[in-house]
Amino acid sequence: QQSDIMQLGIPGFGFRTEKRRFYPSGETSSYIVGLTNIDNQGISGMEKYVDEQGLSDLQASGLAIAKDLKPVKLSIDLRV
């Protein structure tokens, strides 16, 4: 679809790639995982913790040295 639109040759029209979060269990897991705002900053849950304090904790323990880290993986039992 993108290439079809670009072939129309409309000046000033373009696309940009953005990263998006995926919540496998939808709204249910978002209560724990948290939410991000339009700027991809954590505003609740683990998203907020990692953005605000989690990275500092990892750096203090020597487990992280760069700000650009791999994705955080969580294991959540939704049956509980």
PDB file of N, CA and C in Angstrom:
ATOM      1  N   GLN A   1       0.814  -1.183   0.000  1.00  0.00           N
ATOM      2  CA  GLN A   1       0.000   0.000   0.000  1.00  0.00           C
ATOM      3  C   GLN A   1       0.862   1.253   0.000  1.00  0.00           C
ATOM      4  N   GLN A   2       1.952   1.216   0.760  1.00  0.00           N
ATOM      5  CA  GLN A   2       2.816   2.384   0.835  1.00  0.00           C
ATOM      6  C   GLN A   2       3.387   2.733  -0.530  1.00  0.00           C
ATOM      7  N   SER A   3       3.851   1.725  -1.262  1.00  0.00           N
ATOM      8  CA  SER A   3       4.435   2.009  -2.580  1.00  0.00           C
ATOM      9  C   SER A   3       3.382   2.544  -3.546  1.00  0.00           C
ATOM     10  N   ASP A   4       2.157   2.047  -3.446  1.00  0.00           N
ATOM     11  CA  ASP A   4       1.077   2.554  -4.305  1.00  0.00           C
ATOM     12  C   ASP A   4       0.828   4.035  -4.043  1.00  0.00           C
ATOM     13  N   ILE A   5       0.830   4.412  -2.783  1.00  0.00           N
ATOM     14  CA  ILE A   5       0.598   5.814  -2.430  1.00  0.00           C
ATOM     15  C   ILE A   5       1.766   6.681  -2.885  1.00  0.00           C
ATOM     16  N   MET A   6       2.988   6.198  -2.705  1.00  0.00           N
ATOM     17  CA  MET A   6       4.157   6.972  -3.117  1.00  0.00           C
ATOM     18  C   MET A   6       4.182   7.180  -4.626  1.00  0.00           C
ATOM     19  N   GLN A   7       3.671   6.208  -5.386  1.00  0.00           N
ATOM     20  CA  GLN A   7       3.639   6.328  -6.845  1.00  0.00           C
ATOM     21  C   GLN A   7       2.682   7.419  -7.316  1.00  0.00           C
ATOM     22  N   LEU A   8       1.786   7.864  -6.457  1.00  0.00           N
ATOM     23  CA  LEU A   8       0.878   8.948  -6.823  1.00  0.00           C
ATOM     24  C   LEU A   8       1.624  10.267  -6.992  1.00  0.00           C
ATOM     25  N   GLY A   9       2.795  10.366  -6.376  1.00  0.00           N
ATOM     26  CA  GLY A   9       3.637  11.551  -6.537  1.00  0.00           C
ATOM     27  C   GLY A   9       3.101  12.807  -5.878  1.00  0.00           C
ATOM     28  N   ILE A  10       2.384  12.665  -4.791  1.00  0.00           N
ATOM     29  CA  ILE A  10       1.837  13.828  -4.095  1.00  0.00           C
ATOM     30  C   ILE A  10       2.971  14.510  -3.322  1.00  0.00           C
ATOM     31  N   PRO A  11       3.268  15.788  -3.633  1.00  0.00           N
ATOM     32  CA  PRO A  11       4.365  16.481  -2.944  1.00  0.00           C
ATOM     33  C   PRO A  11       4.105  16.614  -1.441  1.00  0.00           C
ATOM     34  N   GLY A  12       5.163  16.430  -0.653  1.00  0.00           N
ATOM     35  CA  GLY A  12       5.066  16.598   0.789  1.00  0.00           C
ATOM     36  C   GLY A  12       4.439  15.433   1.525  1.00  0.00           C
ATOM     37  N   PHE A  13       4.123  14.364   0.829  1.00  0.00           N
ATOM     38  CA  PHE A  13       3.488  13.211   1.453  1.00  0.00           C
ATOM     39  C   PHE A  13       4.534  12.132   1.660  1.00  0.00           C
ATOM     40  N   GLY A  14       4.625  11.591   2.863  1.00  0.00           N
ATOM     41  CA  GLY A  14       5.613  10.554   3.128  1.00  0.00           C
ATOM     42  C   GLY A  14       5.209   9.675   4.293  1.00  0.00           C
ATOM     43  N   PHE A  15       6.073   8.738   4.618  1.00  0.00           N
ATOM     44  CA  PHE A  15       5.839   7.793   5.707  1.00  0.00           C
ATOM     45  C   PHE A  15       7.034   7.816   6.640  1.00  0.00           C
ATOM     46  N   ARG A  16       6.796   7.498   7.893  1.00  0.00           N
ATOM     47  CA  ARG A  16       7.900   7.335   8.832  1.00  0.00           C
ATOM     48  C   ARG A  16       7.657   6.075   9.654  1.00  0.00           C
ATOM     49  N   THR A  17       8.727   5.401   9.980  1.00  0.00           N
ATOM     50  CA  THR A  17       8.651   4.170  10.757  1.00  0.00           C
ATOM     51  C   THR A  17       8.671   4.516  12.241  1.00  0.00           C
ATOM     52  N   GLU A  18       7.769   3.907  13.002  1.00  0.00           N
ATOM     53  CA  GLU A  18       7.723   4.113  14.442  1.00  0.00           C
ATOM     54  C   GLU A  18       7.669   2.766  15.144  1.00  0.00           C
ATOM     55  N   LYS A  19       8.294   2.697  16.307  1.00  0.00           N
ATOM     56  CA  LYS A  19       8.215   1.486  17.123  1.00  0.00           C
ATOM     57  C   LYS A  19       6.903   1.504  17.888  1.00  0.00           C
ATOM     58  N   ARG A  20       6.287   0.345  18.012  1.00  0.00           N
ATOM     59  CA  ARG A  20       5.019   0.219  18.730  1.00  0.00           C
ATOM     60  C   ARG A  20       5.121  -0.911  19.735  1.00  0.00           C
ATOM     61  N   ARG A  21       4.458  -0.753  20.864  1.00  0.00           N
ATOM     62  CA  ARG A  21       4.405  -1.813  21.864  1.00  0.00           C
ATOM     63  C   ARG A  21       3.338  -2.826  21.464  1.00  0.00           C
ATOM     64  N   PHE A  22       3.591  -4.084  21.819  1.00  0.00           N
ATOM     65  CA  PHE A  22       2.613  -5.143  21.572  1.00  0.00           C
ATOM     66  C   PHE A  22       2.306  -5.805  22.898  1.00  0.00           C
ATOM     67  N   TYR A  23       1.046  -5.823  23.275  1.00  0.00           N
ATOM     68  CA  TYR A  23       0.606  -6.450  24.518  1.00  0.00           C
ATOM     69  C   TYR A  23      -0.167  -7.711  24.160  1.00  0.00           C
ATOM     70  N   PRO A  24       0.447  -8.901  24.298  1.00  0.00           N
ATOM     71  CA  PRO A  24      -0.192 -10.154  23.870  1.00  0.00           C
ATOM     72  C   PRO A  24      -1.573 -10.389  24.461  1.00  0.00           C
ATOM     73  N   SER A  25      -1.790  -9.975  25.685  1.00  0.00           N
ATOM     74  CA  SER A  25      -3.097 -10.197  26.310  1.00  0.00           C
ATOM     75  C   SER A  25      -3.921  -8.922  26.361  1.00  0.00           C
ATOM     76  N   GLY A  26      -3.550  -7.968  25.557  1.00  0.00           N
ATOM     77  CA  GLY A  26      -4.313  -6.734  25.457  1.00  0.00           C
ATOM     78  C   GLY A  26      -4.398  -5.969  26.764  1.00  0.00           C
ATOM     79  N   GLU A  27      -5.587  -5.511  27.073  1.00  0.00           N
ATOM     80  CA  GLU A  27      -5.815  -4.655  28.233  1.00  0.00           C
ATOM     81  C   GLU A  27      -5.436  -5.335  29.547  1.00  0.00           C
ATOM     82  N   THR A  28      -5.636  -6.644  29.632  1.00  0.00           N
ATOM     83  CA  THR A  28      -5.339  -7.367  30.874  1.00  0.00           C
ATOM     84  C   THR A  28      -3.878  -7.205  31.278  1.00  0.00           C
ATOM     85  N   SER A  29      -2.965  -7.424  30.357  1.00  0.00           N
ATOM     86  CA  SER A  29      -1.546  -7.318  30.703  1.00  0.00           C
ATOM     87  C   SER A  29      -1.086  -5.872  30.828  1.00  0.00           C
ATOM     88  N   SER A  30      -1.800  -4.938  30.233  1.00  0.00           N
ATOM     89  CA  SER A  30      -1.373  -3.542  30.302  1.00  0.00           C
ATOM     90  C   SER A  30      -1.440  -2.991  31.723  1.00  0.00           C
ATOM     91  N   TYR A  31      -2.253  -3.599  32.595  1.00  0.00           N
ATOM     92  CA  TYR A  31      -2.314  -3.145  33.985  1.00  0.00           C
ATOM     93  C   TYR A  31      -0.994  -3.399  34.702  1.00  0.00           C
ATOM     94  N   ILE A  32      -0.279  -4.441  34.325  1.00  0.00           N
ATOM     95  CA  ILE A  32       1.009  -4.761  34.937  1.00  0.00           C
ATOM     96  C   ILE A  32       2.146  -4.164  34.122  1.00  0.00           C
ATOM     97  N   VAL A  33       2.124  -4.422  32.833  1.00  0.00           N
ATOM     98  CA  VAL A  33       3.190  -3.945  31.958  1.00  0.00           C
ATOM     99  C   VAL A  33       3.211  -2.423  31.935  1.00  0.00           C
ATOM    100  N   GLY A  34       2.040  -1.816  31.921  1.00  0.00           N
ATOM    101  CA  GLY A  34       1.948  -0.366  31.923  1.00  0.00           C
ATOM    102  C   GLY A  34       1.675   0.186  30.538  1.00  0.00           C
ATOM    103  N   LEU A  35       1.731   1.488  30.454  1.00  0.00           N
ATOM    104  CA  LEU A  35       1.424   2.183  29.204  1.00  0.00           C
ATOM    105  C   LEU A  35       2.512   3.201  28.900  1.00  0.00           C
ATOM    106  N   THR A  36       2.604   3.579  27.624  1.00  0.00           N
ATOM    107  CA  THR A  36       3.517   4.637  27.209  1.00  0.00           C
ATOM    108  C   THR A  36       2.715   5.753  26.565  1.00  0.00           C
ATOM    109  N   ASN A  37       3.296   6.952  26.561  1.00  0.00           N
ATOM    110  CA  ASN A  37       2.628   8.070  25.905  1.00  0.00           C
ATOM    111  C   ASN A  37       3.034   8.129  24.436  1.00  0.00           C
ATOM    112  N   ILE A  38       2.602   9.150  23.751  1.00  0.00           N
ATOM    113  CA  ILE A  38       2.868   9.263  22.314  1.00  0.00           C
ATOM    114  C   ILE A  38       4.366   9.371  22.010  1.00  0.00           C
ATOM    115  N   ASP A  39       5.146   9.817  22.998  1.00  0.00           N
ATOM    116  CA  ASP A  39       6.593   9.932  22.829  1.00  0.00           C
ATOM    117  C   ASP A  39       7.334   8.672  23.264  1.00  0.00           C
ATOM    118  N   ASN A  40       6.586   7.585  23.500  1.00  0.00           N
ATOM    119  CA  ASN A  40       7.146   6.287  23.871  1.00  0.00           C
ATOM    120  C   ASN A  40       7.807   6.303  25.251  1.00  0.00           C
ATOM    121  N   GLN A  41       7.342   7.162  26.138  1.00  0.00           N
ATOM    122  CA  GLN A  41       7.847   7.225  27.504  1.00  0.00           C
ATOM    123  C   GLN A  41       6.854   6.535  28.427  1.00  0.00           C
ATOM    124  N   GLY A  42       7.361   5.725  29.355  1.00  0.00           N
ATOM    125  CA  GLY A  42       6.493   5.011  30.281  1.00  0.00           C
ATOM    126  C   GLY A  42       5.709   5.949  31.179  1.00  0.00           C
ATOM    127  N   ILE A  43       4.390   5.724  31.263  1.00  0.00           N
ATOM    128  CA  ILE A  43       3.555   6.570  32.122  1.00  0.00           C
ATOM    129  C   ILE A  43       2.885   5.773  33.235  1.00  0.00           C
ATOM    130  N   SER A  44       2.995   4.433  33.197  1.00  0.00           N
ATOM    131  CA  SER A  44       2.453   3.606  34.274  1.00  0.00           C
ATOM    132  C   SER A  44       3.107   2.230  34.243  1.00  0.00           C
ATOM    133  N   GLY A  45       2.958   1.490  35.353  1.00  0.00           N
ATOM    134  CA  GLY A  45       3.435   0.110  35.427  1.00  0.00           C
ATOM    135  C   GLY A  45       4.931  -0.047  35.227  1.00  0.00           C
ATOM    136  N   MET A  46       5.320  -1.210  34.713  1.00  0.00           N
ATOM    137  CA  MET A  46       6.736  -1.512  34.461  1.00  0.00           C
ATOM    138  C   MET A  46       7.340  -0.561  33.436  1.00  0.00           C
ATOM    139  N   GLU A  47       6.537  -0.113  32.487  1.00  0.00           N
ATOM    140  CA  GLU A  47       7.034   0.842  31.486  1.00  0.00           C
ATOM    141  C   GLU A  47       7.604   2.078  32.190  1.00  0.00           C
ATOM    142  N   LYS A  48       6.862   2.610  33.146  1.00  0.00           N
ATOM    143  CA  LYS A  48       7.298   3.801  33.874  1.00  0.00           C
ATOM    144  C   LYS A  48       8.489   3.481  34.772  1.00  0.00           C
ATOM    145  N   TYR A  49       8.439   2.334  35.455  1.00  0.00           N
ATOM    146  CA  TYR A  49       9.532   1.945  36.348  1.00  0.00           C
ATOM    147  C   TYR A  49      10.853   1.846  35.586  1.00  0.00           C
ATOM    148  N   VAL A  50      10.839   1.158  34.461  1.00  0.00           N
ATOM    149  CA  VAL A  50      12.071   0.976  33.691  1.00  0.00           C
ATOM    150  C   VAL A  50      12.574   2.317  33.170  1.00  0.00           C
ATOM    151  N   ASP A  51      11.668   3.164  32.699  1.00  0.00           N
ATOM    152  CA  ASP A  51      12.088   4.472  32.194  1.00  0.00           C
ATOM    153  C   ASP A  51      12.650   5.366  33.297  1.00  0.00           C
ATOM    154  N   GLU A  52      12.050   5.312  34.487  1.00  0.00           N
ATOM    155  CA  GLU A  52      12.465   6.221  35.559  1.00  0.00           C
ATOM    156  C   GLU A  52      13.559   5.651  36.454  1.00  0.00           C
ATOM    157  N   GLN A  53      13.326   4.490  37.034  1.00  0.00           N
ATOM    158  CA  GLN A  53      14.231   3.960  38.048  1.00  0.00           C
ATOM    159  C   GLN A  53      14.942   2.680  37.619  1.00  0.00           C
ATOM    160  N   GLY A  54      14.303   1.878  36.817  1.00  0.00           N
ATOM    161  CA  GLY A  54      14.846   0.572  36.461  1.00  0.00           C
ATOM    162  C   GLY A  54      16.201   0.627  35.802  1.00  0.00           C
ATOM    163  N   LEU A  55      16.383   1.553  34.864  1.00  0.00           N
ATOM    164  CA  LEU A  55      17.665   1.668  34.180  1.00  0.00           C
ATOM    165  C   LEU A  55      18.756   2.073  35.163  1.00  0.00           C
ATOM    166  N   SER A  56      18.437   2.989  36.059  1.00  0.00           N
ATOM    167  CA  SER A  56      19.412   3.407  37.079  1.00  0.00           C
ATOM    168  C   SER A  56      19.812   2.234  37.960  1.00  0.00           C
ATOM    169  N   ASP A  57      18.832   1.415  38.344  1.00  0.00           N
ATOM    170  CA  ASP A  57      19.122   0.235  39.165  1.00  0.00           C
ATOM    171  C   ASP A  57      20.038  -0.734  38.429  1.00  0.00           C
ATOM    172  N   LEU A  58      19.768  -0.960  37.150  1.00  0.00           N
ATOM    173  CA  LEU A  58      20.603  -1.869  36.358  1.00  0.00           C
ATOM    174  C   LEU A  58      22.014  -1.324  36.206  1.00  0.00           C
ATOM    175  N   GLN A  59      22.132  -0.023  35.970  1.00  0.00           N
ATOM    176  CA  GLN A  59      23.453   0.581  35.833  1.00  0.00           C
ATOM    177  C   GLN A  59      24.221   0.517  37.149  1.00  0.00           C
ATOM    178  N   ALA A  60      23.539   0.764  38.271  1.00  0.00           N
ATOM    179  CA  ALA A  60      24.188   0.730  39.586  1.00  0.00           C
ATOM    180  C   ALA A  60      24.707  -0.665  39.923  1.00  0.00           C
ATOM    181  N   SER A  61      24.007  -1.690  39.455  1.00  0.00           N
ATOM    182  CA  SER A  61      24.431  -3.062  39.738  1.00  0.00           C
ATOM    183  C   SER A  61      25.451  -3.574  38.722  1.00  0.00           C
ATOM    184  N   GLY A  62      25.772  -2.750  37.718  1.00  0.00           N
ATOM    185  CA  GLY A  62      26.750  -3.141  36.713  1.00  0.00           C
ATOM    186  C   GLY A  62      26.192  -3.996  35.593  1.00  0.00           C
ATOM    187  N   LEU A  63      24.873  -4.157  35.551  1.00  0.00           N
ATOM    188  CA  LEU A  63      24.262  -4.989  34.512  1.00  0.00           C
ATOM    189  C   LEU A  63      23.965  -4.221  33.234  1.00  0.00           C
ATOM    190  N   ALA A  64      24.037  -2.907  33.287  1.00  0.00           N
ATOM    191  CA  ALA A  64      23.773  -2.097  32.096  1.00  0.00           C
ATOM    192  C   ALA A  64      24.725  -0.913  32.096  1.00  0.00           C
ATOM    193  N   ILE A  65      25.281  -0.630  30.937  1.00  0.00           N
ATOM    194  CA  ILE A  65      26.155   0.538  30.845  1.00  0.00           C
ATOM    195  C   ILE A  65      25.649   1.547  29.822  1.00  0.00           C
ATOM    196  N   ALA A  66      24.855   1.099  28.876  1.00  0.00           N
ATOM    197  CA  ALA A  66      24.342   1.999  27.841  1.00  0.00           C
ATOM    198  C   ALA A  66      22.868   2.281  28.080  1.00  0.00           C
ATOM    199  N   LYS A  67      22.396   3.400  27.542  1.00  0.00           N
ATOM    200  CA  LYS A  67      20.974   3.723  27.663  1.00  0.00           C
ATOM    201  C   LYS A  67      20.143   2.931  26.661  1.00  0.00           C
ATOM    202  N   ASP A  68      20.759   2.461  25.589  1.00  0.00           N
ATOM    203  CA  ASP A  68      20.036   1.744  24.545  1.00  0.00           C
ATOM    204  C   ASP A  68      20.106   0.245  24.830  1.00  0.00           C
ATOM    205  N   LEU A  69      19.134  -0.266  25.583  1.00  0.00           N
ATOM    206  CA  LEU A  69      19.150  -1.656  26.016  1.00  0.00           C
ATOM    207  C   LEU A  69      18.224  -2.523  25.186  1.00  0.00           C
ATOM    208  N   LYS A  70      18.424  -3.827  25.301  1.00  0.00           N
ATOM    209  CA  LYS A  70      17.515  -4.774  24.657  1.00  0.00           C
ATOM    210  C   LYS A  70      16.164  -4.726  25.361  1.00  0.00           C
ATOM    211  N   PRO A  71      15.108  -5.201  24.707  1.00  0.00           N
ATOM    212  CA  PRO A  71      13.778  -5.185  25.331  1.00  0.00           C
ATOM    213  C   PRO A  71      13.749  -5.966  26.643  1.00  0.00           C
ATOM    214  N   VAL A  72      12.955  -5.470  27.569  1.00  0.00           N
ATOM    215  CA  VAL A  72      12.754  -6.148  28.850  1.00  0.00           C
ATOM    216  C   VAL A  72      11.741  -7.259  28.639  1.00  0.00           C
ATOM    217  N   LYS A  73      12.035  -8.452  29.158  1.00  0.00           N
ATOM    218  CA  LYS A  73      11.109  -9.577  29.035  1.00  0.00           C
ATOM    219  C   LYS A  73      10.524  -9.886  30.400  1.00  0.00           C
ATOM    220  N   LEU A  74       9.210 -10.009  30.455  1.00  0.00           N
ATOM    221  CA  LEU A  74       8.520 -10.341  31.697  1.00  0.00           C
ATOM    222  C   LEU A  74       7.787 -11.657  31.526  1.00  0.00           C
ATOM    223  N   SER A  75       7.633 -12.369  32.619  1.00  0.00           N
ATOM    224  CA  SER A  75       6.834 -13.585  32.628  1.00  0.00           C
ATOM    225  C   SER A  75       5.655 -13.339  33.559  1.00  0.00           C
ATOM    226  N   ILE A  76       4.451 -13.352  33.009  1.00  0.00           N
ATOM    227  CA  ILE A  76       3.249 -13.053  33.783  1.00  0.00           C
ATOM    228  C   ILE A  76       2.277 -14.222  33.660  1.00  0.00           C
ATOM    229  N   ASP A  77       1.858 -14.755  34.790  1.00  0.00           N
ATOM    230  CA  ASP A  77       0.858 -15.824  34.794  1.00  0.00           C
ATOM    231  C   ASP A  77      -0.515 -15.166  34.906  1.00  0.00           C
ATOM    232  N   LEU A  78      -1.238 -15.092  33.810  1.00  0.00           N
ATOM    233  CA  LEU A  78      -2.537 -14.417  33.779  1.00  0.00           C
ATOM    234  C   LEU A  78      -3.632 -15.196  34.490  1.00  0.00           C
ATOM    235  N   ARG A  79      -3.324 -16.441  34.890  1.00  0.00           N
ATOM    236  CA  ARG A  79      -4.326 -17.243  35.602  1.00  0.00           C
ATOM    237  C   ARG A  79      -4.407 -16.873  37.075  1.00  0.00           C
ATOM    238  N   VAL A  80      -3.422 -16.137  37.561  1.00  0.00           N
ATOM    239  CA  VAL A  80      -3.372 -15.785  38.986  1.00  0.00           C
ATOM    240  C   VAL A  80      -4.228 -14.565  39.243  1.00  0.00           C
TER     241      VAL A  80
END
